[in-house]
Amino acid sequence: MIQVPNWEDAQVLEKEVKSCDNHDIGDVKETNRFYIVTRKGDRVSRIPRGAVASFDGGKLYLRATESEVLAGMYPFVSESAESELERQFENPKSGIDKEK
């Protein structure tokens, strides 16, 4: 298995996503620096990359249960750290690289 985050985004597109309690979450429809987006029927889930445990080449396995995914709650992913990364990504001149 490939341990996260060592995958190329193109490798996981259209791959199945399984929760840690072995429920089908859907297929990966898109990815970005922070999230993977899955779809199963009409349900779309935006899952933080930090919630992914592993990728075996055919499936992504989550550290989250199905109920955590459905609720959009990931207790092991720091919201403040995630928000800071998104802020720096959207405004690359902020943060550590700030010019004096």
PDB file of N, CA and C in Angstrom:
ATOM      1  N   MET A   1       0.830  -1.192   0.000  1.00  0.00           N
ATOM      2  CA  MET A   1       0.000   0.000   0.000  1.00  0.00           C
ATOM      3  C   MET A   1       0.865   1.242   0.000  1.00  0.00           C
ATOM      4  N   ILE A   2       0.389   2.277  -0.639  1.00  0.00           N
ATOM      5  CA  ILE A   2       1.065   3.574  -0.644  1.00  0.00           C
ATOM      6  C   ILE A   2       0.566   4.352   0.565  1.00  0.00           C
ATOM      7  N   GLN A   3       1.471   4.813   1.399  1.00  0.00           N
ATOM      8  CA  GLN A   3       1.069   5.607   2.550  1.00  0.00           C
ATOM      9  C   GLN A   3       0.895   7.058   2.124  1.00  0.00           C
ATOM     10  N   VAL A   4      -0.116   7.669   2.640  1.00  0.00           N
ATOM     11  CA  VAL A   4      -0.476   9.034   2.296  1.00  0.00           C
ATOM     12  C   VAL A   4       0.597   9.978   2.785  1.00  0.00           C
ATOM     13  N   PRO A   5       0.922  11.055   2.109  1.00  0.00           N
ATOM     14  CA  PRO A   5       0.312  11.600   0.900  1.00  0.00           C
ATOM     15  C   PRO A   5       1.056  11.240  -0.367  1.00  0.00           C
ATOM     16  N   ASN A   6       1.656  10.083  -0.437  1.00  0.00           N
ATOM     17  CA  ASN A   6       2.505   9.712  -1.561  1.00  0.00           C
ATOM     18  C   ASN A   6       1.744   9.130  -2.739  1.00  0.00           C
ATOM     19  N   TRP A   7       0.804   9.879  -3.247  1.00  0.00           N
ATOM     20  CA  TRP A   7       0.108   9.439  -4.443  1.00  0.00           C
ATOM     21  C   TRP A   7       0.006  10.632  -5.382  1.00  0.00           C
ATOM     22  N   GLU A   8      -0.103  10.338  -6.645  1.00  0.00           N
ATOM     23  CA  GLU A   8      -0.363  11.371  -7.638  1.00  0.00           C
ATOM     24  C   GLU A   8      -1.876  11.500  -7.749  1.00  0.00           C
ATOM     25  N   ASP A   9      -2.380  12.729  -7.824  1.00  0.00           N
ATOM     26  CA  ASP A   9      -3.830  12.926  -7.878  1.00  0.00           C
ATOM     27  C   ASP A   9      -4.474  12.140  -9.015  1.00  0.00           C
ATOM     28  N   ALA A  10      -3.805  12.062 -10.155  1.00  0.00           N
ATOM     29  CA  ALA A  10      -4.367  11.339 -11.300  1.00  0.00           C
ATOM     30  C   ALA A  10      -4.537   9.855 -10.984  1.00  0.00           C
ATOM     31  N   GLN A  11      -3.732   9.305 -10.068  1.00  0.00           N
ATOM     32  CA  GLN A  11      -3.829   7.890  -9.717  1.00  0.00           C
ATOM     33  C   GLN A  11      -5.120   7.573  -8.980  1.00  0.00           C
ATOM     34  N   VAL A  12      -5.673   8.528  -8.232  1.00  0.00           N
ATOM     35  CA  VAL A  12      -6.831   8.235  -7.387  1.00  0.00           C
ATOM     36  C   VAL A  12      -8.163   8.620  -8.020  1.00  0.00           C
ATOM     37  N   LEU A  13      -8.146   9.360  -9.125  1.00  0.00           N
ATOM     38  CA  LEU A  13      -9.403   9.742  -9.765  1.00  0.00           C
ATOM     39  C   LEU A  13     -10.184   8.502 -10.178  1.00  0.00           C
ATOM     40  N   GLU A  14     -11.472   8.511  -9.875  1.00  0.00           N
ATOM     41  CA  GLU A  14     -12.408   7.424 -10.166  1.00  0.00           C
ATOM     42  C   GLU A  14     -12.148   6.158  -9.346  1.00  0.00           C
ATOM     43  N   LYS A  15     -11.265   6.232  -8.332  1.00  0.00           N
ATOM     44  CA  LYS A  15     -11.019   5.079  -7.463  1.00  0.00           C
ATOM     45  C   LYS A  15     -12.033   5.073  -6.326  1.00  0.00           C
ATOM     46  N   GLU A  16     -12.328   3.891  -5.820  1.00  0.00           N
ATOM     47  CA  GLU A  16     -13.279   3.713  -4.731  1.00  0.00           C
ATOM     48  C   GLU A  16     -12.662   4.182  -3.413  1.00  0.00           C
ATOM     49  N   VAL A  17     -13.505   4.763  -2.555  1.00  0.00           N
ATOM     50  CA  VAL A  17     -13.081   5.216  -1.228  1.00  0.00           C
ATOM     51  C   VAL A  17     -13.843   4.408  -0.189  1.00  0.00           C
ATOM     52  N   LYS A  18     -13.105   3.845   0.776  1.00  0.00           N
ATOM     53  CA  LYS A  18     -13.697   3.039   1.848  1.00  0.00           C
ATOM     54  C   LYS A  18     -13.416   3.701   3.190  1.00  0.00           C
ATOM     55  N   SER A  19     -14.425   3.704   4.056  1.00  0.00           N
ATOM     56  CA  SER A  19     -14.247   4.221   5.412  1.00  0.00           C
ATOM     57  C   SER A  19     -13.505   3.173   6.246  1.00  0.00           C
ATOM     58  N   CYS A  20     -13.053   3.575   7.436  1.00  0.00           N
ATOM     59  CA  CYS A  20     -12.330   2.619   8.289  1.00  0.00           C
ATOM     60  C   CYS A  20     -13.247   1.534   8.833  1.00  0.00           C
ATOM     61  N   ASP A  21     -14.576   1.768   8.777  1.00  0.00           N
ATOM     62  CA  ASP A  21     -15.514   0.712   9.159  1.00  0.00           C
ATOM     63  C   ASP A  21     -16.048  -0.024   7.932  1.00  0.00           C
ATOM     64  N   ASN A  22     -15.281   0.077   6.828  1.00  0.00           N
ATOM     65  CA  ASN A  22     -15.476  -0.690   5.596  1.00  0.00           C
ATOM     66  C   ASN A  22     -16.765  -0.373   4.820  1.00  0.00           C
ATOM     67  N   HIS A  23     -17.229   0.861   4.881  1.00  0.00           N
ATOM     68  CA  HIS A  23     -18.382   1.282   4.087  1.00  0.00           C
ATOM     69  C   HIS A  23     -17.894   1.991   2.828  1.00  0.00           C
ATOM     70  N   ASP A  24     -18.640   1.829   1.749  1.00  0.00           N
ATOM     71  CA  ASP A  24     -18.326   2.482   0.478  1.00  0.00           C
ATOM     72  C   ASP A  24     -18.747   3.946   0.568  1.00  0.00           C
ATOM     73  N   ILE A  25     -17.775   4.844   0.436  1.00  0.00           N
ATOM     74  CA  ILE A  25     -18.034   6.286   0.519  1.00  0.00           C
ATOM     75  C   ILE A  25     -18.316   6.868  -0.857  1.00  0.00           C
ATOM     76  N   GLY A  26     -17.856   6.214  -1.899  1.00  0.00           N
ATOM     77  CA  GLY A  26     -18.059   6.690  -3.266  1.00  0.00           C
ATOM     78  C   GLY A  26     -16.768   6.621  -4.049  1.00  0.00           C
ATOM     79  N   ASP A  27     -16.756   7.250  -5.198  1.00  0.00           N
ATOM     80  CA  ASP A  27     -15.571   7.298  -6.053  1.00  0.00           C
ATOM     81  C   ASP A  27     -15.007   8.706  -6.042  1.00  0.00           C
ATOM     82  N   VAL A  28     -13.682   8.806  -6.145  1.00  0.00           N
ATOM     83  CA  VAL A  28     -13.013  10.105  -6.176  1.00  0.00           C
ATOM     84  C   VAL A  28     -13.342  10.798  -7.492  1.00  0.00           C
ATOM     85  N   LYS A  29     -13.874  12.003  -7.413  1.00  0.00           N
ATOM     86  CA  LYS A  29     -14.229  12.776  -8.610  1.00  0.00           C
ATOM     87  C   LYS A  29     -13.258  13.916  -8.868  1.00  0.00           C
ATOM     88  N   GLU A  30     -12.669  14.456  -7.794  1.00  0.00           N
ATOM     89  CA  GLU A  30     -11.658  15.496  -7.973  1.00  0.00           C
ATOM     90  C   GLU A  30     -10.804  15.572  -6.722  1.00  0.00           C
ATOM     91  N   THR A  31      -9.644  16.187  -6.875  1.00  0.00           N
ATOM     92  CA  THR A  31      -8.746  16.382  -5.748  1.00  0.00           C
ATOM     93  C   THR A  31      -8.155  17.780  -5.842  1.00  0.00           C
ATOM     94  N   ASN A  32      -7.713  18.280  -4.713  1.00  0.00           N
ATOM     95  CA  ASN A  32      -6.902  19.497  -4.699  1.00  0.00           C
ATOM     96  C   ASN A  32      -5.892  19.345  -3.580  1.00  0.00           C
ATOM     97  N   ARG A  33      -5.219  20.390  -3.268  1.00  0.00           N
ATOM     98  CA  ARG A  33      -4.149  20.332  -2.272  1.00  0.00           C
ATOM     99  C   ARG A  33      -4.654  19.928  -0.887  1.00  0.00           C
ATOM    100  N   PHE A  34      -5.917  20.191  -0.592  1.00  0.00           N
ATOM    101  CA  PHE A  34      -6.445  19.983   0.749  1.00  0.00           C
ATOM    102  C   PHE A  34      -7.491  18.884   0.858  1.00  0.00           C
ATOM    103  N   TYR A  35      -8.227  18.623  -0.221  1.00  0.00           N
ATOM    104  CA  TYR A  35      -9.370  17.724  -0.143  1.00  0.00           C
ATOM    105  C   TYR A  35      -9.413  16.727  -1.292  1.00  0.00           C
ATOM    106  N   ILE A  36     -10.145  15.630  -1.041  1.00  0.00           N
ATOM    107  CA  ILE A  36     -10.603  14.774  -2.128  1.00  0.00           C
ATOM    108  C   ILE A  36     -12.120  14.898  -2.125  1.00  0.00           C
ATOM    109  N   VAL A  37     -12.707  14.899  -3.292  1.00  0.00           N
ATOM    110  CA  VAL A  37     -14.158  15.012  -3.422  1.00  0.00           C
ATOM    111  C   VAL A  37     -14.672  13.696  -3.979  1.00  0.00           C
ATOM    112  N   THR A  38     -15.628  13.103  -3.255  1.00  0.00           N
ATOM    113  CA  THR A  38     -16.198  11.822  -3.682  1.00  0.00           C
ATOM    114  C   THR A  38     -17.672  11.991  -4.017  1.00  0.00           C
ATOM    115  N   ARG A  39     -18.164  11.065  -4.820  1.00  0.00           N
ATOM    116  CA  ARG A  39     -19.594  11.038  -5.149  1.00  0.00           C
ATOM    117  C   ARG A  39     -20.075   9.604  -5.080  1.00  0.00           C
ATOM    118  N   LYS A  40     -21.220   9.441  -4.421  1.00  0.00           N
ATOM    119  CA  LYS A  40     -21.930   8.158  -4.403  1.00  0.00           C
ATOM    120  C   LYS A  40     -23.397   8.503  -4.585  1.00  0.00           C
ATOM    121  N   GLY A  41     -23.938   8.220  -5.763  1.00  0.00           N
ATOM    122  CA  GLY A  41     -25.304   8.624  -6.080  1.00  0.00           C
ATOM    123  C   GLY A  41     -25.394  10.137  -6.061  1.00  0.00           C
ATOM    124  N   ASP A  42     -26.330  10.669  -5.285  1.00  0.00           N
ATOM    125  CA  ASP A  42     -26.484  12.125  -5.180  1.00  0.00           C
ATOM    126  C   ASP A  42     -25.625  12.733  -4.083  1.00  0.00           C
ATOM    127  N   ARG A  43     -24.977  11.894  -3.273  1.00  0.00           N
ATOM    128  CA  ARG A  43     -24.184  12.388  -2.143  1.00  0.00           C
ATOM    129  C   ARG A  43     -22.767  12.744  -2.583  1.00  0.00           C
ATOM    130  N   VAL A  44     -22.360  13.965  -2.286  1.00  0.00           N
ATOM    131  CA  VAL A  44     -21.004  14.429  -2.557  1.00  0.00           C
ATOM    132  C   VAL A  44     -20.341  14.704  -1.209  1.00  0.00           C
ATOM    133  N   SER A  45     -19.124  14.202  -1.032  1.00  0.00           N
ATOM    134  CA  SER A  45     -18.390  14.419   0.213  1.00  0.00           C
ATOM    135  C   SER A  45     -17.059  15.076  -0.088  1.00  0.00           C
ATOM    136  N   ARG A  46     -16.716  16.078   0.708  1.00  0.00           N
ATOM    137  CA  ARG A  46     -15.412  16.741   0.623  1.00  0.00           C
ATOM    138  C   ARG A  46     -14.627  16.288   1.844  1.00  0.00           C
ATOM    139  N   ILE A  47     -13.587  15.503   1.600  1.00  0.00           N
ATOM    140  CA  ILE A  47     -12.847  14.836   2.667  1.00  0.00           C
ATOM    141  C   ILE A  47     -11.427  15.398   2.735  1.00  0.00           C
ATOM    142  N   PRO A  48     -11.003  15.855   3.908  1.00  0.00           N
ATOM    143  CA  PRO A  48      -9.631  16.360   4.029  1.00  0.00           C
ATOM    144  C   PRO A  48      -8.618  15.270   3.689  1.00  0.00           C
ATOM    145  N   ARG A  49      -7.549  15.644   3.016  1.00  0.00           N
ATOM    146  CA  ARG A  49      -6.516  14.669   2.661  1.00  0.00           C
ATOM    147  C   ARG A  49      -5.954  13.977   3.895  1.00  0.00           C
ATOM    148  N   GLY A  50      -5.940  14.681   5.033  1.00  0.00           N
ATOM    149  CA  GLY A  50      -5.451  14.101   6.276  1.00  0.00           C
ATOM    150  C   GLY A  50      -6.301  12.959   6.789  1.00  0.00           C
ATOM    151  N   ALA A  51      -7.500  12.792   6.246  1.00  0.00           N
ATOM    152  CA  ALA A  51      -8.383  11.707   6.660  1.00  0.00           C
ATOM    153  C   ALA A  51      -8.096  10.422   5.900  1.00  0.00           C
ATOM    154  N   VAL A  52      -7.215  10.476   4.911  1.00  0.00           N
ATOM    155  CA  VAL A  52      -6.878   9.291   4.124  1.00  0.00           C
ATOM    156  C   VAL A  52      -5.762   8.528   4.828  1.00  0.00           C
ATOM    157  N   ALA A  53      -5.987   7.235   5.043  1.00  0.00           N
ATOM    158  CA  ALA A  53      -4.989   6.390   5.711  1.00  0.00           C
ATOM    159  C   ALA A  53      -4.008   5.787   4.719  1.00  0.00           C
ATOM    160  N   SER A  54      -4.531   5.288   3.586  1.00  0.00           N
ATOM    161  CA  SER A  54      -3.653   4.627   2.617  1.00  0.00           C
ATOM    162  C   SER A  54      -4.345   4.495   1.267  1.00  0.00           C
ATOM    163  N   PHE A  55      -3.541   4.166   0.276  1.00  0.00           N
ATOM    164  CA  PHE A  55      -4.010   3.927  -1.090  1.00  0.00           C
ATOM    165  C   PHE A  55      -3.289   2.697  -1.594  1.00  0.00           C
ATOM    166  N   ASP A  56      -4.048   1.682  -2.041  1.00  0.00           N
ATOM    167  CA  ASP A  56      -3.422   0.429  -2.478  1.00  0.00           C
ATOM    168  C   ASP A  56      -3.329   0.301  -3.996  1.00  0.00           C
ATOM    169  N   GLY A  57      -3.602   1.390  -4.698  1.00  0.00           N
ATOM    170  CA  GLY A  57      -3.585   1.353  -6.156  1.00  0.00           C
ATOM    171  C   GLY A  57      -4.969   1.181  -6.750  1.00  0.00           C
ATOM    172  N   GLY A  58      -5.904   0.688  -5.947  1.00  0.00           N
ATOM    173  CA  GLY A  58      -7.276   0.491  -6.413  1.00  0.00           C
ATOM    174  C   GLY A  58      -8.309   1.186  -5.542  1.00  0.00           C
ATOM    175  N   LYS A  59      -7.986   1.344  -4.265  1.00  0.00           N
ATOM    176  CA  LYS A  59      -8.918   1.965  -3.322  1.00  0.00           C
ATOM    177  C   LYS A  59      -8.170   2.896  -2.382  1.00  0.00           C
ATOM    178  N   LEU A  60      -8.872   3.959  -1.979  1.00  0.00           N
ATOM    179  CA  LEU A  60      -8.388   4.841  -0.917  1.00  0.00           C
ATOM    180  C   LEU A  60      -9.080   4.394   0.362  1.00  0.00           C
ATOM    181  N   TYR A  61      -8.316   4.251   1.420  1.00  0.00           N
ATOM    182  CA  TYR A  61      -8.866   3.865   2.716  1.00  0.00           C
ATOM    183  C   TYR A  61      -8.753   5.045   3.672  1.00  0.00           C
ATOM    184  N   LEU A  62      -9.872   5.348   4.341  1.00  0.00           N
ATOM    185  CA  LEU A  62      -9.925   6.499   5.233  1.00  0.00           C
ATOM    186  C   LEU A  62      -9.630   6.114   6.672  1.00  0.00           C
ATOM    187  N   ARG A  63      -9.215   7.101   7.454  1.00  0.00           N
ATOM    188  CA  ARG A  63      -9.108   6.948   8.907  1.00  0.00           C
ATOM    189  C   ARG A  63     -10.446   7.273   9.553  1.00  0.00           C
ATOM    190  N   ALA A  64     -11.411   7.718   8.775  1.00  0.00           N
ATOM    191  CA  ALA A  64     -12.722   8.142   9.267  1.00  0.00           C
ATOM    192  C   ALA A  64     -13.765   7.053   9.077  1.00  0.00           C
ATOM    193  N   THR A  65     -14.749   7.047   9.971  1.00  0.00           N
ATOM    194  CA  THR A  65     -15.886   6.142   9.826  1.00  0.00           C
ATOM    195  C   THR A  65     -16.878   6.747   8.834  1.00  0.00           C
ATOM    196  N   GLU A  66     -17.814   5.938   8.400  1.00  0.00           N
ATOM    197  CA  GLU A  66     -18.842   6.439   7.487  1.00  0.00           C
ATOM    198  C   GLU A  66     -19.625   7.576   8.149  1.00  0.00           C
ATOM    199  N   SER A  67     -19.971   7.433   9.449  1.00  0.00           N
ATOM    200  CA  SER A  67     -20.749   8.498  10.096  1.00  0.00           C
ATOM    201  C   SER A  67     -19.957   9.791  10.222  1.00  0.00           C
ATOM    202  N   GLU A  68     -18.637   9.713  10.405  1.00  0.00           N
ATOM    203  CA  GLU A  68     -17.822  10.930  10.446  1.00  0.00           C
ATOM    204  C   GLU A  68     -17.828  11.613   9.082  1.00  0.00           C
ATOM    205  N   VAL A  69     -17.733  10.830   8.012  1.00  0.00           N
ATOM    206  CA  VAL A  69     -17.766  11.394   6.661  1.00  0.00           C
ATOM    207  C   VAL A  69     -19.114  12.056   6.396  1.00  0.00           C
ATOM    208  N   LEU A  70     -20.203  11.359   6.734  1.00  0.00           N
ATOM    209  CA  LEU A  70     -21.538  11.914   6.501  1.00  0.00           C
ATOM    210  C   LEU A  70     -21.768  13.190   7.303  1.00  0.00           C
ATOM    211  N   ALA A  71     -21.191  13.258   8.502  1.00  0.00           N
ATOM    212  CA  ALA A  71     -21.330  14.452   9.344  1.00  0.00           C
ATOM    213  C   ALA A  71     -20.316  15.529   8.974  1.00  0.00           C
ATOM    214  N   GLY A  72     -19.302  15.173   8.167  1.00  0.00           N
ATOM    215  CA  GLY A  72     -18.259  16.126   7.811  1.00  0.00           C
ATOM    216  C   GLY A  72     -17.368  16.464   8.984  1.00  0.00           C
ATOM    217  N   MET A  73     -17.251  15.537   9.944  1.00  0.00           N
ATOM    218  CA  MET A  73     -16.454  15.764  11.146  1.00  0.00           C
ATOM    219  C   MET A  73     -15.274  14.797  11.159  1.00  0.00           C
ATOM    220  N   TYR A  74     -14.077  15.365  11.286  1.00  0.00           N
ATOM    221  CA  TYR A  74     -12.859  14.570  11.277  1.00  0.00           C
ATOM    222  C   TYR A  74     -12.050  14.958  12.503  1.00  0.00           C
ATOM    223  N   PRO A  75     -12.272  14.287  13.639  1.00  0.00           N
ATOM    224  CA  PRO A  75     -11.670  14.702  14.903  1.00  0.00           C
ATOM    225  C   PRO A  75     -10.144  14.657  14.918  1.00  0.00           C
ATOM    226  N   PHE A  76      -9.544  13.882  14.047  1.00  0.00           N
ATOM    227  CA  PHE A  76      -8.087  13.737  14.024  1.00  0.00           C
ATOM    228  C   PHE A  76      -7.420  14.726  13.082  1.00  0.00           C
ATOM    229  N   VAL A  77      -8.199  15.561  12.368  1.00  0.00           N
ATOM    230  CA  VAL A  77      -7.654  16.574  11.462  1.00  0.00           C
ATOM    231  C   VAL A  77      -7.855  17.921  12.127  1.00  0.00           C
ATOM    232  N   SER A  78      -6.769  18.619  12.384  1.00  0.00           N
ATOM    233  CA  SER A  78      -6.834  19.921  13.040  1.00  0.00           C
ATOM    234  C   SER A  78      -7.435  20.962  12.102  1.00  0.00           C
ATOM    235  N   GLU A  79      -8.585  21.518  12.486  1.00  0.00           N
ATOM    236  CA  GLU A  79      -9.233  22.531  11.653  1.00  0.00           C
ATOM    237  C   GLU A  79      -8.387  23.790  11.552  1.00  0.00           C
ATOM    238  N   SER A  80      -7.727  24.178  12.647  1.00  0.00           N
ATOM    239  CA  SER A  80      -6.933  25.399  12.608  1.00  0.00           C
ATOM    240  C   SER A  80      -5.733  25.244  11.678  1.00  0.00           C
ATOM    241  N   ALA A  81      -5.084  24.083  11.714  1.00  0.00           N
ATOM    242  CA  ALA A  81      -3.950  23.839  10.818  1.00  0.00           C
ATOM    243  C   ALA A  81      -4.414  23.802   9.371  1.00  0.00           C
ATOM    244  N   GLU A  82      -5.554  23.161   9.137  1.00  0.00           N
ATOM    245  CA  GLU A  82      -6.096  23.071   7.784  1.00  0.00           C
ATOM    246  C   GLU A  82      -6.479  24.454   7.261  1.00  0.00           C
ATOM    247  N   SER A  83      -7.105  25.273   8.101  1.00  0.00           N
ATOM    248  CA  SER A  83      -7.493  26.626   7.702  1.00  0.00           C
ATOM    249  C   SER A  83      -6.272  27.474   7.395  1.00  0.00           C
ATOM    250  N   GLU A  84      -5.215  27.311   8.191  1.00  0.00           N
ATOM    251  CA  GLU A  84      -3.981  28.066   7.961  1.00  0.00           C
ATOM    252  C   GLU A  84      -3.348  27.671   6.627  1.00  0.00           C
ATOM    253  N   LEU A  85      -3.331  26.383   6.310  1.00  0.00           N
ATOM    254  CA  LEU A  85      -2.786  25.945   5.022  1.00  0.00           C
ATOM    255  C   LEU A  85      -3.593  26.520   3.863  1.00  0.00           C
ATOM    256  N   GLU A  86      -4.925  26.481   3.983  1.00  0.00           N
ATOM    257  CA  GLU A  86      -5.764  27.037   2.925  1.00  0.00           C
ATOM    258  C   GLU A  86      -5.508  28.535   2.767  1.00  0.00           C
ATOM    259  N   ARG A  87      -5.380  29.263   3.883  1.00  0.00           N
ATOM    260  CA  ARG A  87      -5.147  30.701   3.833  1.00  0.00           C
ATOM    261  C   ARG A  87      -3.820  30.990   3.133  1.00  0.00           C
ATOM    262  N   GLN A  88      -2.775  30.245   3.466  1.00  0.00           N
ATOM    263  CA  GLN A  88      -1.478  30.456   2.838  1.00  0.00           C
ATOM    264  C   GLN A  88      -1.507  30.085   1.361  1.00  0.00           C
ATOM    265  N   PHE A  89      -2.267  29.044   1.012  1.00  0.00           N
ATOM    266  CA  PHE A  89      -2.374  28.635  -0.388  1.00  0.00           C
ATOM    267  C   PHE A  89      -3.074  29.717  -1.204  1.00  0.00           C
ATOM    268  N   GLU A  90      -4.125  30.308  -0.633  1.00  0.00           N
ATOM    269  CA  GLU A  90      -4.880  31.345  -1.337  1.00  0.00           C
ATOM    270  C   GLU A  90      -4.120  32.667  -1.391  1.00  0.00           C
ATOM    271  N   ASN A  91      -3.248  32.931  -0.406  1.00  0.00           N
ATOM    272  CA  ASN A  91      -2.487  34.165  -0.340  1.00  0.00           C
ATOM    273  C   ASN A  91      -1.029  33.808  -0.079  1.00  0.00           C
ATOM    274  N   PRO A  92      -0.297  33.374  -1.104  1.00  0.00           N
ATOM    275  CA  PRO A  92       1.043  32.830  -0.916  1.00  0.00           C
ATOM    276  C   PRO A  92       2.060  33.798  -0.320  1.00  0.00           C
ATOM    277  N   LYS A  93       1.811  35.112  -0.334  1.00  0.00           N
ATOM    278  CA  LYS A  93       2.767  36.060   0.219  1.00  0.00           C
ATOM    279  C   LYS A  93       2.597  36.233   1.720  1.00  0.00           C
ATOM    280  N   SER A  94       1.593  35.587   2.316  1.00  0.00           N
ATOM    281  CA  SER A  94       1.392  35.697   3.754  1.00  0.00           C
ATOM    282  C   SER A  94       2.179  34.608   4.465  1.00  0.00           C
ATOM    283  N   GLY A  95       2.245  34.719   5.776  1.00  0.00           N
ATOM    284  CA  GLY A  95       2.876  33.668   6.576  1.00  0.00           C
ATOM    285  C   GLY A  95       4.374  33.776   6.594  1.00  0.00           C
ATOM    286  N   ILE A  96       5.062  32.658   6.574  1.00  0.00           N
ATOM    287  CA  ILE A  96       6.511  32.572   6.754  1.00  0.00           C
ATOM    288  C   ILE A  96       7.267  33.321   5.654  1.00  0.00           C
ATOM    289  N   ASP A  97       6.788  33.283   4.429  1.00  0.00           N
ATOM    290  CA  ASP A  97       7.503  33.882   3.313  1.00  0.00           C
ATOM    291  C   ASP A  97       7.272  35.381   3.196  1.00  0.00           C
ATOM    292  N   LYS A  98       6.678  35.995   4.183  1.00  0.00           N
ATOM    293  CA  LYS A  98       6.327  37.412   4.127  1.00  0.00           C
ATOM    294  C   LYS A  98       7.592  38.261   3.992  1.00  0.00           C
ATOM    295  N   GLU A  99       7.579  39.155   3.022  1.00  0.00           N
ATOM    296  CA  GLU A  99       8.726  40.035   2.795  1.00  0.00           C
ATOM    297  C   GLU A  99       8.727  41.155   3.813  1.00  0.00           C
ATOM    298  N   LYS A 100       9.941  41.572   4.239  1.00  0.00           N
ATOM    299  CA  LYS A 100      10.064  42.642   5.241  1.00  0.00           C
ATOM    300  C   LYS A 100      10.385  43.962   4.578  1.00  0.00           C
TER     301      LYS A 100
END
